[in-house]
Amino acid sequence: MDSIDRRTVLKLGSAASLAVLAPSAPASTAPAAQSAHASVPQWEAFEVTLAGPSSGNPFTDVDLTVTFAQGNRSVSLDGFYDGNGSYKIRFMPDSPGEWSYTTASNAPELSGRTGRFSCTAALAGAHGPVRVANTHHFAYADGTPFPTRRCASAGRDYRQASPSPLSKTIKSSKHVS
């Protein structure tokens, strides 16, 4: 058996180490497949959870922005770190139809993620967020008036509501000498 010098041993050791570390299949540069999600009713929360970096301070070190698109319309918003390497994106679609999203981040594992979901008609009784309507009033997104001067449980004006027992006690205690 021939003897092997030290240099040859080092070369063989390095080659074996590289073979273990090298991937068995060539790396793909194709973008990740789109994620398909369940449908979401209009004005309900759509949520995506992504795995990302947890080292350092993810609250300040990682930027995550998501763009939701429907036809020619797009809405951009920020995602947030939820702990244990988990990042969340929450979105409330305001119109039924097909929506898509794309992420952008300074963390490579969070950037370029895409997905699609379908927004269905609103659930019964869901009217959307409250907004200003006609300058001095409020209404839900679907135009339903938002009750501001009426007691929703009693169905009457607050000014007509009977005083609470506490207010009677306060009034009577003022007159005690």
Protein backbone atom coordinates (compact mmCIF):
# COMPACT_ATOMS: atom_id res chain seq x y z
CA MET A 1 0.00 0.00 0.00
CA ASP A 2 1.37 3.37 -0.97
CA SER A 3 1.81 6.02 1.68
CA ILE A 4 -0.16 9.26 1.45
CA ASP A 5 1.46 12.51 2.30
CA ARG A 6 -0.15 15.14 4.53
CA ARG A 7 -1.07 17.45 1.65
CA THR A 8 -3.08 14.73 -0.11
CA VAL A 9 -4.94 13.90 3.11
CA LEU A 10 -5.91 17.57 3.54
CA LYS A 11 -7.10 17.79 -0.08
CA LEU A 12 -9.21 14.64 0.28
CA GLY A 13 -10.66 15.87 3.58
CA SER A 14 -11.60 19.22 2.05
CA ALA A 15 -13.14 17.56 -0.98
CA ALA A 16 -15.23 15.24 1.22
CA SER A 17 -16.41 18.18 3.34
CA LEU A 18 -17.46 20.14 0.26
CA ALA A 19 -19.32 17.14 -1.14
CA VAL A 20 -21.37 16.89 2.06
CA LEU A 21 -22.16 20.59 2.10
CA ALA A 22 -23.05 20.88 -1.59
CA PRO A 23 -26.73 20.42 -2.48
CA SER A 24 -27.60 17.16 -4.18
CA ALA A 25 -29.79 18.92 -6.77
CA PRO A 26 -29.00 22.13 -8.61
CA ALA A 27 -30.48 25.22 -6.95
CA SER A 28 -33.58 26.57 -8.63
CA THR A 29 -33.84 30.27 -9.36
CA ALA A 30 -37.54 30.01 -10.18
CA PRO A 31 -39.87 32.01 -7.94
CA ALA A 32 -41.75 30.17 -5.22
CA ALA A 33 -45.15 28.81 -6.12
CA GLN A 34 -48.17 30.91 -5.26
CA SER A 35 -50.05 30.01 -2.12
CA ALA A 36 -53.77 29.35 -2.54
CA HIS A 37 -55.96 30.30 0.41
CA ALA A 38 -59.56 29.67 1.46
CA SER A 39 -62.14 32.28 0.55
CA VAL A 40 -62.79 35.17 2.92
CA PRO A 41 -66.09 37.07 3.31
CA GLN A 42 -66.07 40.80 2.55
CA TRP A 43 -65.06 42.91 5.60
CA GLU A 44 -63.63 39.90 7.43
CA ALA A 45 -59.93 39.41 8.26
CA PHE A 46 -57.64 37.61 5.83
CA GLU A 47 -54.42 36.49 7.53
CA VAL A 48 -51.16 35.07 6.22
CA THR A 49 -48.45 33.65 8.50
CA LEU A 50 -44.88 33.47 7.19
CA ALA A 51 -41.74 31.98 8.74
CA GLY A 52 -38.83 34.37 8.88
CA PRO A 53 -35.79 35.42 10.89
CA SER A 54 -36.00 35.52 14.67
CA SER A 55 -32.43 36.54 15.44
CA GLY A 56 -31.45 40.06 16.40
CA ASN A 57 -34.45 42.32 16.96
CA PRO A 58 -37.08 41.31 14.37
CA PHE A 59 -39.39 44.12 15.53
CA THR A 60 -36.96 46.75 14.28
CA ASP A 61 -34.54 44.92 11.98
CA VAL A 62 -37.06 43.38 9.56
CA ASP A 63 -39.29 45.38 7.23
CA LEU A 64 -42.25 43.54 5.70
CA THR A 65 -44.58 45.21 3.22
CA VAL A 66 -47.41 43.52 1.34
CA THR A 67 -49.27 44.71 -1.73
CA PHE A 68 -52.77 43.34 -2.28
CA ALA A 69 -54.17 43.73 -5.79
CA GLN A 70 -57.57 43.30 -7.39
CA GLY A 71 -57.70 44.21 -11.05
CA ASN A 72 -56.10 47.66 -11.50
CA ARG A 73 -56.43 48.52 -7.81
CA SER A 74 -53.72 47.88 -5.20
CA VAL A 75 -53.45 48.36 -1.44
CA SER A 76 -50.11 48.30 0.40
CA LEU A 77 -49.69 47.68 4.11
CA ASP A 78 -47.11 46.50 6.62
CA GLY A 79 -46.83 43.06 8.16
CA PHE A 80 -45.64 42.52 11.72
CA TYR A 81 -43.51 40.18 13.81
CA ASP A 82 -45.60 37.86 16.02
CA GLY A 83 -42.81 36.07 17.90
CA ASN A 84 -40.88 32.79 17.45
CA GLY A 85 -39.89 33.58 13.86
CA SER A 86 -43.52 34.11 12.82
CA TYR A 87 -44.60 37.12 10.75
CA LYS A 88 -48.24 38.03 10.15
CA ILE A 89 -50.11 39.93 7.50
CA ARG A 90 -53.73 40.95 8.09
CA PHE A 91 -56.00 42.48 5.50
CA MET A 92 -59.73 43.24 5.31
CA PRO A 93 -60.92 43.04 1.68
CA ASP A 94 -63.53 45.67 0.91
CA SER A 95 -64.84 44.26 -2.35
CA PRO A 96 -65.73 40.72 -3.48
CA GLY A 97 -63.67 39.04 -6.19
CA GLU A 98 -60.21 37.59 -6.73
CA TRP A 99 -57.33 39.15 -4.80
CA SER A 100 -53.59 38.50 -5.03
CA TYR A 101 -50.70 39.59 -2.83
CA THR A 102 -46.92 39.98 -3.08
CA THR A 103 -44.51 40.56 -0.21
CA ALA A 104 -41.42 42.75 -0.12
CA SER A 105 -38.89 42.59 2.70
CA ASN A 106 -35.26 43.19 3.59
CA ALA A 107 -35.27 39.56 4.83
CA PRO A 108 -34.84 37.28 1.78
CA GLU A 109 -37.04 34.51 3.21
CA LEU A 110 -40.00 36.94 3.46
CA SER A 111 -39.53 38.76 0.15
CA GLY A 112 -41.26 37.78 -3.07
CA ARG A 113 -43.89 35.53 -1.47
CA THR A 114 -47.12 35.51 -3.44
CA GLY A 115 -50.61 34.17 -3.02
CA ARG A 116 -54.25 34.41 -4.07
CA PHE A 117 -57.60 34.27 -2.36
CA SER A 118 -61.22 34.87 -3.22
CA CYS A 119 -63.37 37.40 -1.37
CA THR A 120 -67.02 36.35 -1.16
CA ALA A 121 -70.14 38.41 -0.35
CA ALA A 122 -70.39 39.87 3.15
CA LEU A 123 -71.92 37.78 5.92
CA ALA A 124 -75.44 38.65 7.08
CA GLY A 125 -75.30 41.62 9.44
CA ALA A 126 -71.78 42.65 8.40
CA HIS A 127 -71.75 46.24 7.19
CA GLY A 128 -68.03 47.04 7.14
CA PRO A 129 -66.04 49.69 8.98
CA VAL A 130 -67.61 52.95 10.18
CA ARG A 131 -66.78 56.09 8.18
CA VAL A 132 -67.83 59.72 8.08
CA ALA A 133 -70.93 60.24 5.93
CA ASN A 134 -72.41 63.58 4.88
CA THR A 135 -69.87 65.56 6.97
CA HIS A 136 -71.73 65.36 10.31
CA HIS A 137 -72.82 61.72 10.46
CA PHE A 138 -71.39 58.24 10.46
CA ALA A 139 -72.26 55.25 8.29
CA TYR A 140 -70.94 51.77 7.69
CA ALA A 141 -69.03 51.06 4.48
CA ASP A 142 -72.19 49.65 2.83
CA GLY A 143 -74.07 52.91 3.55
CA THR A 144 -76.07 51.65 6.54
CA PRO A 145 -76.38 54.56 9.02
CA PHE A 146 -74.38 54.17 12.21
CA PRO A 147 -76.51 54.96 15.28
CA THR A 148 -74.83 57.78 17.18
CA ARG A 149 -77.60 59.51 19.15
CA ARG A 150 -79.75 56.54 19.95
CA CYS A 151 -79.43 53.85 22.53
CA ALA A 152 -79.08 50.70 20.45
CA SER A 153 -80.32 48.41 23.23
CA ALA A 154 -83.33 50.53 24.27
CA GLY A 155 -84.16 51.84 20.79
CA ARG A 156 -84.69 55.40 22.01
CA ASP A 157 -82.83 58.69 22.26
CA TYR A 158 -80.29 58.91 25.12
CA ARG A 159 -81.91 62.15 26.31
CA GLN A 160 -85.16 60.23 26.86
CA ALA A 161 -83.50 57.33 28.67
CA SER A 162 -84.34 57.04 32.35
CA PRO A 163 -81.53 58.00 34.70
CA SER A 164 -79.44 55.23 36.16
CA PRO A 165 -79.79 54.31 39.85
CA LEU A 166 -76.28 55.69 40.41
CA SER A 167 -77.26 59.17 39.18
CA LYS A 168 -80.27 59.18 41.55
CA THR A 169 -77.95 58.31 44.44
CA ILE A 170 -75.54 61.10 43.50
CA LYS A 171 -78.38 63.67 43.25
CA SER A 172 -79.87 62.64 46.62
CA SER A 173 -76.48 62.74 48.37
CA LYS A 174 -75.95 66.37 47.32
CA HIS A 175 -79.03 67.49 49.23
CA VAL A 176 -78.13 65.74 52.46
CA SER A 177 -76.85 68.12 55.13
